[in-house]
Amino acid sequence: MSIHTNPVRGTRDILPQEMELRDKLQEKILQIYRSHGFERIETPILESLDLLMNSDGGENLKMLFTVLKRGEKLDVHENSTIKDLCDTGLRYDLTLPLSRFFANNKNSLQFPFKAIQIDNVFRAERPQKGRFRSFKQCDIDIIGEETQVAEIELIHTTTKALGEIGFKNFVVRINDRRILSSIIISAGFEPEEVSSISIVLDKLDKIGQDGVAKELIEKGYNEQGVNDIIHSFTTLNEDNLDKIEGDESVKNSLLQVIRAARELSDGQYEIVFDPTLVRGMGYYTGQIFEITYGPYGFSIAGGGRYDNMIGNISKESIPAVGFSIGFERIITILLEEQHIAQEINKKVAFLYRAEEDYVEIMKKADEFRKLGYMVTTLVAKKKMNKQINALKDSDYSYLFVYGKDEELRAIES
């Protein structure tokens, strides 16, 4: 029996060239996050099934990877439920684990707490371009700040990180879930219907106004009310926000964040109020945001305020807001746009003869490493030209032949 060597569908192997780019970009993102006072933490990839299932994670709850119980705890019978069979699952995002982490460790943390998480999450969804079942997110969150200061800092820090790795002229879209709720309720729907309607509205950029209207009507919602919601979405802007019923402080806070973000952008990217922005997570309670770039049909970053999540876990209400960069998506774009060369470190192929003193070889190689080069020591082959061509194809930029060269020389492209 031969074992298939392809990775599991929806996952992938990452070759050295791309891995080098990924490491470089992660270092740059992490440096920006830390320069703004955020601190890195790590949580387990496994969380309790009770926590995951009660997280108000929207459509992601349909894509949980769950883990079977072991031994006598596994209760298999004709009417078995998922909780009879499983007691843990893989995290689908980093926000829920952070909320549990804070509830568990708050006495050891600075308050407000500014967290960094750069790690993999898992969703059992249909794989497609730029979307995998296992993928990395780069999150920053502020826990314990109830004012719009948190939103402003997160937007500023995230956009600086994207700019540092080469993204320009992207669009930051901002909305507020409370404004969205006001529109839905004003159209004649009940507050308990807001979440399910919002899930469909989140598909607006994918299936359009007609598709959203059709799906909501097929679910049994009033046709006139549905049309009123869509009309409000498509006509609302910063200048006529006052026509929406609701708390004036909510609208004023949103406008303050938009204005502050524009001033901090220095014209490098665009800030827009987008009343059609929904975001699929049910746990968002206030302002929400996404970043889109170029012609790509997906966001490259997103987040929002989730003031109730920690309280649902610890019974102590603590405000929180976060912003996440979709690492796999930015890598996909950078690879497509061929931004690799400018990100790769200076790679040196250091060739030597097998009979030469390897200690002396390492000492010489370390001289170049101290200058910032990445040096790989290799035994020179008889057909050195063929070896050099192979190194060039592997993105080595410089060559040094011990006993022959006095200094580094560029490998001609």
Protein backbone atom coordinates (compact mmCIF):
# COMPACT_ATOMS: atom_id res chain seq x y z
CA MET A 1 0.00 0.00 0.00
CA SER A 2 1.43 3.34 -1.04
CA ILE A 3 0.62 6.40 1.05
CA HIS A 4 -0.48 9.53 -0.79
CA THR A 5 2.10 12.28 -0.30
CA ASN A 6 -0.12 15.27 -1.08
CA PRO A 7 -1.13 17.38 1.95
CA VAL A 8 -4.71 17.12 3.21
CA ARG A 9 -7.15 19.03 1.00
CA GLY A 10 -7.40 22.63 2.12
CA THR A 11 -3.87 22.63 3.54
CA ARG A 12 -0.50 22.96 1.82
CA ASP A 13 3.22 22.44 2.10
CA ILE A 14 5.31 25.62 2.16
CA LEU A 15 8.63 25.54 0.34
CA PRO A 16 11.76 27.36 1.61
CA GLN A 17 11.49 30.33 -0.76
CA GLU A 18 7.98 31.20 0.38
CA MET A 19 8.80 30.38 4.00
CA GLU A 20 11.58 32.92 3.93
CA LEU A 21 9.18 35.56 2.71
CA ARG A 22 6.63 34.59 5.35
CA ASP A 23 9.22 34.84 8.14
CA LYS A 24 10.38 38.23 6.91
CA LEU A 25 6.87 39.65 6.72
CA GLN A 26 5.92 38.23 10.10
CA GLU A 27 8.99 39.86 11.65
CA LYS A 28 8.04 43.24 10.16
CA ILE A 29 4.44 42.99 11.32
CA LEU A 30 5.52 41.91 14.79
CA GLN A 31 8.01 44.79 15.02
CA ILE A 32 5.29 47.35 14.23
CA TYR A 33 2.89 45.77 16.72
CA ARG A 34 5.51 45.80 19.47
CA SER A 35 6.55 49.37 18.70
CA HIS A 36 2.97 50.39 19.58
CA GLY A 37 3.14 48.72 22.98
CA PHE A 38 1.40 45.43 22.19
CA GLU A 39 2.66 42.24 23.87
CA ARG A 40 2.72 38.77 22.34
CA ILE A 41 0.89 35.83 23.92
CA GLU A 42 0.09 32.27 22.82
CA THR A 43 -2.95 30.10 23.46
CA PRO A 44 -3.56 26.37 22.75
CA ILE A 45 -5.03 25.35 19.39
CA LEU A 46 -7.55 23.22 21.33
CA GLU A 47 -10.45 24.80 23.21
CA SER A 48 -13.35 23.20 25.05
CA LEU A 49 -16.34 22.40 22.86
CA ASP A 50 -18.66 24.22 25.28
CA LEU A 51 -16.65 27.41 24.82
CA LEU A 52 -16.57 27.08 21.03
CA MET A 53 -20.24 26.19 20.60
CA ASN A 54 -21.45 29.06 22.79
CA SER A 55 -19.25 31.74 21.24
CA ASP A 56 -21.71 33.40 18.83
CA GLY A 57 -19.20 32.81 16.03
CA GLY A 58 -21.75 32.96 13.21
CA GLU A 59 -21.16 30.74 10.19
CA ASN A 60 -17.83 29.57 11.63
CA LEU A 61 -19.66 27.32 14.08
CA LYS A 62 -20.69 25.21 11.08
CA MET A 63 -17.01 24.75 10.22
CA LEU A 64 -15.61 23.53 13.53
CA PHE A 65 -13.02 20.79 13.59
CA THR A 66 -14.04 18.75 16.63
CA VAL A 67 -11.93 16.14 18.45
CA LEU A 68 -13.31 12.78 19.66
CA LYS A 69 -13.30 12.00 23.36
CA ARG A 70 -10.94 9.25 24.45
CA GLY A 71 -11.54 6.03 26.34
CA GLU A 72 -14.59 5.66 28.56
CA LYS A 73 -15.61 9.28 28.01
CA LEU A 74 -16.57 8.45 24.41
CA ASP A 75 -20.31 7.70 24.49
CA VAL A 76 -21.39 6.19 21.18
CA HIS A 77 -25.05 5.22 20.74
CA GLU A 78 -27.80 5.50 18.15
CA ASN A 79 -28.80 9.02 19.17
CA SER A 80 -25.31 10.33 19.89
CA THR A 81 -24.89 14.10 19.70
CA ILE A 82 -21.66 15.96 19.01
CA LYS A 83 -21.24 16.51 22.76
CA ASP A 84 -21.52 12.76 23.40
CA LEU A 85 -18.70 12.17 20.95
CA CYS A 86 -16.47 15.25 21.35
CA ASP A 87 -15.39 17.55 24.15
CA THR A 88 -12.78 19.74 22.43
CA GLY A 89 -12.27 21.42 19.06
CA LEU A 90 -9.72 23.41 17.10
CA ARG A 91 -9.97 27.18 17.44
CA TYR A 92 -11.64 28.90 14.48
CA ASP A 93 -10.19 32.33 15.30
CA LEU A 94 -7.90 33.96 17.88
CA THR A 95 -10.48 36.27 19.50
CA LEU A 96 -12.35 33.64 21.48
CA PRO A 97 -9.14 32.05 22.88
CA LEU A 98 -7.91 35.53 23.85
CA SER A 99 -11.12 36.20 25.78
CA ARG A 100 -10.74 32.93 27.69
CA PHE A 101 -7.02 33.68 28.21
CA PHE A 102 -7.80 37.10 29.68
CA ALA A 103 -10.53 35.76 31.95
CA ASN A 104 -8.07 33.13 33.23
CA ASN A 105 -4.99 35.36 33.60
CA LYS A 106 -6.32 38.89 34.18
CA ASN A 107 -4.66 39.23 37.59
CA SER A 108 -1.25 38.80 35.93
CA LEU A 109 -1.85 41.26 33.08
CA GLN A 110 -1.52 45.00 32.65
CA PHE A 111 -4.84 46.82 32.24
CA PRO A 112 -5.78 47.86 29.59
CA PHE A 113 -4.14 44.83 28.01
CA LYS A 114 -2.74 45.15 24.48
CA ALA A 115 -2.25 41.67 23.01
CA ILE A 116 -0.49 40.26 19.96
CA GLN A 117 -1.35 36.83 18.57
CA ILE A 118 0.27 35.43 15.42
CA ASP A 119 -0.83 31.85 14.99
CA ASN A 120 -2.83 29.31 12.99
CA VAL A 121 -6.60 28.84 13.13
CA PHE A 122 -8.73 26.09 11.60
CA ARG A 123 -12.02 26.07 9.69
CA ALA A 124 -13.56 23.12 7.83
CA GLU A 125 -14.67 25.19 4.87
CA ARG A 126 -14.56 24.66 1.13
CA PRO A 127 -10.98 25.43 0.03
CA GLN A 128 -10.52 28.10 -2.65
CA LYS A 129 -7.95 30.65 -3.76
CA GLY A 130 -6.58 32.55 -0.77
CA ARG A 131 -8.71 30.48 1.63
CA PHE A 132 -7.46 27.39 3.48
CA ARG A 133 -8.63 25.07 6.24
CA SER A 134 -5.53 25.88 8.26
CA PHE A 135 -4.26 29.45 8.04
CA LYS A 136 -2.37 32.09 9.96
CA GLN A 137 -3.81 35.28 11.43
CA CYS A 138 -1.96 38.28 12.86
CA ASP A 139 -4.15 39.75 15.61
CA ILE A 140 -3.87 42.75 17.87
CA ASP A 141 -6.48 43.44 20.55
CA ILE A 142 -7.05 46.02 23.26
CA ILE A 143 -8.94 44.78 26.32
CA GLY A 144 -10.25 47.24 28.89
CA GLU A 145 -10.58 50.44 26.82
CA GLU A 146 -14.22 51.45 26.34
CA THR A 147 -13.70 54.59 24.27
CA GLN A 148 -12.99 54.96 20.54
CA VAL A 149 -9.30 55.47 21.40
CA ALA A 150 -8.95 51.69 21.02
CA GLU A 151 -10.45 51.65 17.52
CA ILE A 152 -8.25 54.52 16.39
CA GLU A 153 -5.07 52.88 17.71
CA LEU A 154 -5.89 49.50 16.17
CA ILE A 155 -6.62 50.98 12.75
CA HIS A 156 -3.46 53.09 12.88
CA THR A 157 -1.24 50.19 13.97
CA THR A 158 -2.68 47.72 11.45
CA THR A 159 -2.37 50.12 8.53
CA LYS A 160 1.22 50.90 9.51
CA ALA A 161 2.01 47.18 9.50
CA LEU A 162 0.48 46.75 6.04
CA GLY A 163 2.41 49.76 4.77
CA GLU A 164 5.65 48.38 6.19
CA ILE A 165 5.30 45.17 4.15
CA GLY A 166 4.54 47.00 0.92
CA PHE A 167 0.78 47.57 0.69
CA LYS A 168 -0.37 50.98 -0.55
CA ASN A 169 -3.62 52.57 -1.67
CA PHE A 170 -5.80 50.11 0.21
CA VAL A 171 -9.25 50.97 1.60
CA VAL A 172 -10.27 50.84 5.27
CA ARG A 173 -14.03 50.32 5.50
CA ILE A 174 -15.73 51.21 8.79
CA ASN A 175 -19.26 50.67 10.12
CA ASP A 176 -21.01 50.11 13.47
CA ARG A 177 -23.14 47.07 14.30
CA ARG A 178 -25.46 49.29 16.37
CA ILE A 179 -26.25 51.40 13.29
CA LEU A 180 -26.86 48.22 11.34
CA SER A 181 -29.25 47.02 14.06
CA SER A 182 -31.09 50.34 14.04
CA ILE A 183 -31.66 50.07 10.28
CA ILE A 184 -33.03 46.52 10.58
CA ILE A 185 -35.31 47.29 13.53
CA SER A 186 -36.57 50.51 11.90
CA ALA A 187 -37.62 48.40 8.89
CA GLY A 188 -40.05 46.53 11.16
CA PHE A 189 -38.01 43.53 12.31
CA GLU A 190 -37.56 42.29 15.87
CA PRO A 191 -34.23 42.67 17.75
CA GLU A 192 -33.84 38.88 17.91
CA GLU A 193 -33.97 38.77 14.10
CA VAL A 194 -31.03 41.16 13.66
CA SER A 195 -28.32 38.48 13.84
CA SER A 196 -29.80 36.11 11.25
CA ILE A 197 -30.60 38.98 8.86
CA SER A 198 -27.07 40.35 9.28
CA ILE A 199 -25.56 37.00 8.26
CA VAL A 200 -27.34 37.27 4.90
CA LEU A 201 -26.53 40.97 4.51
CA ASP A 202 -22.86 40.07 4.94
CA LYS A 203 -23.07 38.40 1.49
CA LEU A 204 -23.97 41.68 -0.23
CA ASP A 205 -20.58 42.07 -1.91
CA LYS A 206 -20.73 38.47 -3.16
CA ILE A 207 -24.33 38.00 -4.37
CA GLY A 208 -25.46 41.63 -4.78
CA GLN A 209 -28.66 43.39 -3.70
CA ASP A 210 -30.96 41.08 -5.66
CA GLY A 211 -29.31 37.97 -4.23
CA VAL A 212 -29.58 39.26 -0.66
CA ALA A 213 -33.23 40.26 -1.15
CA LYS A 214 -34.08 36.88 -2.64
CA GLU A 215 -32.40 34.92 0.16
CA LEU A 216 -34.05 36.97 2.93
CA ILE A 217 -37.49 36.69 1.34
CA GLU A 218 -37.03 32.93 0.87
CA LYS A 219 -36.25 32.70 4.59
CA GLY A 220 -39.68 34.20 5.26
CA TYR A 221 -38.82 37.82 5.98
CA ASN A 222 -41.26 40.55 4.91
CA GLU A 223 -40.50 41.70 1.35
CA GLN A 224 -41.22 45.38 2.02
CA GLY A 225 -39.03 45.34 5.12
CA VAL A 226 -36.21 43.67 3.20
CA ASN A 227 -36.43 46.30 0.46
CA ASP A 228 -36.42 49.07 3.09
CA ILE A 229 -33.21 47.66 4.63
CA ILE A 230 -31.44 47.47 1.28
CA HIS A 231 -32.57 51.00 0.37
CA SER A 232 -31.22 52.36 3.66
CA PHE A 233 -27.91 50.58 3.08
CA THR A 234 -27.45 51.93 -0.41
CA THR A 235 -28.35 55.55 0.37
CA LEU A 236 -26.69 56.04 3.77
CA ASN A 237 -23.43 58.03 4.02
CA GLU A 238 -21.48 60.15 6.48
CA ASP A 239 -23.52 63.25 5.67
CA ASN A 240 -26.95 61.76 6.37
CA LEU A 241 -26.19 59.55 9.36
CA ASP A 242 -28.54 61.70 11.43
CA LYS A 243 -31.56 60.22 9.61
CA ILE A 244 -30.89 56.86 11.32
CA GLU A 245 -32.66 56.40 14.64
CA GLY A 246 -30.49 55.51 17.60
CA ASP A 247 -27.98 56.76 20.13
CA GLU A 248 -26.30 59.97 18.92
CA SER A 249 -23.13 59.07 20.79
CA VAL A 250 -22.78 55.95 18.62
CA LYS A 251 -22.87 57.99 15.43
CA ASN A 252 -20.57 60.68 16.85
CA SER A 253 -18.04 58.07 17.96
CA LEU A 254 -18.05 56.50 14.49
CA LEU A 255 -17.46 59.86 12.83
CA GLN A 256 -14.63 60.66 15.27
CA VAL A 257 -12.87 57.40 14.42
CA ILE A 258 -13.25 58.02 10.68
CA ARG A 259 -11.87 61.56 10.95
CA ALA A 260 -8.97 60.54 13.18
CA ALA A 261 -8.07 57.61 10.92
CA ARG A 262 -8.10 59.90 7.87
CA GLU A 263 -5.80 62.39 9.54
CA LEU A 264 -3.39 59.65 10.58
CA SER A 265 -3.43 58.07 7.11
CA ASP A 266 -1.46 60.97 5.63
CA GLY A 267 -3.10 60.23 2.29
CA GLN A 268 -1.46 56.78 2.00
CA TYR A 269 -4.75 54.87 2.01
CA GLU A 270 -8.49 55.59 1.97
CA ILE A 271 -10.91 55.61 4.91
CA VAL A 272 -14.61 55.17 4.09
CA PHE A 273 -17.85 54.75 5.99
CA ASP A 274 -19.48 51.63 4.54
CA PRO A 275 -23.01 50.97 5.87
CA THR A 276 -23.07 47.65 3.97
CA LEU A 277 -20.17 46.27 6.03
CA VAL A 278 -21.51 43.54 8.32
CA ARG A 279 -18.79 40.97 9.17
CA GLY A 280 -20.02 37.47 9.87
CA MET A 281 -19.16 37.06 13.55
CA GLY A 282 -22.18 37.39 15.80
CA TYR A 283 -20.10 38.51 18.76
CA TYR A 284 -19.40 42.03 17.42
CA THR A 285 -21.19 44.71 19.47
CA GLY A 286 -20.00 48.05 18.08
CA GLN A 287 -17.70 49.42 15.42
CA ILE A 288 -16.43 46.97 12.81
CA PHE A 289 -13.81 47.39 10.08
CA GLU A 290 -12.26 45.67 7.09
CA ILE A 291 -9.41 46.47 4.71
CA THR A 292 -9.65 45.71 1.00
CA TYR A 293 -6.93 46.02 -1.61
CA GLY A 294 -6.91 46.31 -5.39
CA PRO A 295 -9.01 43.99 -7.56
CA TYR A 296 -9.00 41.10 -5.12
CA GLY A 297 -12.43 39.87 -4.08
CA PHE A 298 -11.59 39.42 -0.42
CA SER A 299 -10.56 41.53 2.56
CA ILE A 300 -6.98 41.38 3.80
CA ALA A 301 -7.76 42.46 7.38
CA GLY A 302 -10.80 42.84 9.59
CA GLY A 303 -12.01 43.27 13.12
CA GLY A 304 -14.29 45.10 15.50
CA ARG A 305 -15.51 45.62 19.04
CA TYR A 306 -16.73 42.63 21.07
CA ASP A 307 -17.65 44.04 24.49
CA ASN A 308 -19.74 41.07 25.67
CA MET A 309 -17.46 38.10 24.95
CA ILE A 310 -15.28 38.22 28.08
CA GLY A 311 -18.34 38.82 30.24
CA ASN A 312 -20.01 35.75 28.79
CA ILE A 313 -17.01 33.69 29.93
CA SER A 314 -16.13 35.28 33.28
CA LYS A 315 -19.36 37.11 34.24
CA GLU A 316 -17.32 40.32 34.51
CA SER A 317 -18.12 42.73 31.69
CA ILE A 318 -14.91 44.06 30.12
CA PRO A 319 -14.77 46.03 26.83
CA ALA A 320 -12.59 44.66 24.03
CA VAL A 321 -11.77 45.39 20.40
CA GLY A 322 -9.44 43.69 17.90
CA PHE A 323 -8.05 43.85 14.36
CA SER A 324 -6.65 40.88 12.43
CA ILE A 325 -4.48 40.72 9.29
CA GLY A 326 -5.20 37.69 7.10
CA PHE A 327 -1.65 36.46 6.65
CA GLU A 328 -2.41 33.88 3.94
CA ARG A 329 -4.22 36.45 1.86
CA ILE A 330 -1.44 39.02 1.96
CA ILE A 331 1.07 36.30 1.05
CA THR A 332 -1.12 35.26 -1.89
CA ILE A 333 -1.18 38.85 -3.14
CA LEU A 334 2.55 39.46 -2.67
CA LEU A 335 3.39 36.27 -4.52
CA GLU A 336 1.03 37.17 -7.37
CA GLU A 337 2.44 40.68 -7.63
CA GLN A 338 6.00 39.33 -7.38
CA HIS A 339 7.09 41.36 -4.37
CA ILE A 340 9.40 38.58 -3.22
CA ALA A 341 12.82 39.86 -4.25
CA GLN A 342 12.70 43.02 -2.18
CA GLU A 343 11.79 41.04 0.95
CA ILE A 344 14.40 38.27 0.77
CA ASN A 345 17.58 38.62 2.81
CA LYS A 346 20.99 38.63 1.11
CA LYS A 347 21.65 34.91 0.55
CA VAL A 348 25.21 33.66 0.13
CA ALA A 349 26.32 30.27 -1.20
CA PHE A 350 29.70 29.55 0.43
CA LEU A 351 31.45 26.76 -1.53
CA TYR A 352 34.47 24.82 -0.27
CA ARG A 353 36.35 21.60 -1.01
CA ALA A 354 35.58 18.58 1.18
CA GLU A 355 39.22 18.19 2.27
CA GLU A 356 39.46 21.74 3.66
CA ASP A 357 39.32 22.54 7.41
CA TYR A 358 35.62 22.93 8.25
CA VAL A 359 36.35 24.95 11.40
CA GLU A 360 38.11 27.56 9.25
CA ILE A 361 35.22 27.43 6.80
CA MET A 362 32.74 28.23 9.60
CA LYS A 363 34.90 31.07 10.91
CA LYS A 364 35.01 32.68 7.48
CA ALA A 365 31.28 32.17 6.94
CA ASP A 366 30.60 33.83 10.31
CA GLU A 367 32.43 36.95 9.12
CA PHE A 368 29.79 37.37 6.42
CA ARG A 369 26.95 36.54 8.81
CA LYS A 370 28.09 39.36 11.10
CA LEU A 371 27.57 41.70 8.13
CA GLY A 372 23.94 40.61 7.84
CA TYR A 373 24.20 37.95 5.15
CA MET A 374 22.48 34.57 5.22
CA VAL A 375 25.25 32.06 4.51
CA THR A 376 24.89 28.41 3.53
CA THR A 377 28.09 26.35 3.44
CA LEU A 378 28.18 23.70 0.68
CA VAL A 379 30.76 21.30 -0.65
CA ALA A 380 31.69 22.39 -4.17
CA LYS A 381 30.72 19.90 -6.86
CA LYS A 382 32.89 18.95 -9.81
CA LYS A 383 30.45 20.63 -12.19
CA MET A 384 30.45 23.91 -10.32
CA ASN A 385 28.70 25.89 -13.07
CA LYS A 386 25.71 23.58 -12.87
CA GLN A 387 25.71 23.90 -9.09
CA ILE A 388 25.84 27.71 -9.30
CA ASN A 389 22.91 27.76 -11.73
CA ALA A 390 20.88 25.64 -9.31
CA LEU A 391 21.73 28.04 -6.48
CA LYS A 392 20.65 30.99 -8.62
CA ASP A 393 17.30 29.27 -9.21
CA SER A 394 16.96 28.95 -5.42
CA ASP A 395 17.33 32.74 -5.05
CA TYR A 396 20.93 32.87 -3.86
CA SER A 397 22.26 36.31 -4.69
CA TYR A 398 25.94 35.97 -3.79
CA LEU A 399 28.71 33.40 -4.16
CA PHE A 400 31.96 32.85 -2.28
CA VAL A 401 34.40 30.08 -3.22
CA TYR A 402 36.80 29.46 -0.34
CA GLY A 403 40.45 29.57 -1.39
CA LYS A 404 39.57 31.36 -4.61
CA ASP A 405 37.50 34.48 -3.89
CA GLU A 406 38.68 37.43 -1.82
CA GLU A 407 35.17 38.86 -1.42
CA LEU A 408 31.58 38.08 -2.23
CA ARG A 409 30.53 38.17 -5.85
CA ALA A 410 27.02 38.48 -7.21
CA ILE A 411 25.50 35.51 -8.97
CA GLU A 412 24.48 36.89 -12.34
CA SER A 413 20.76 36.58 -13.10
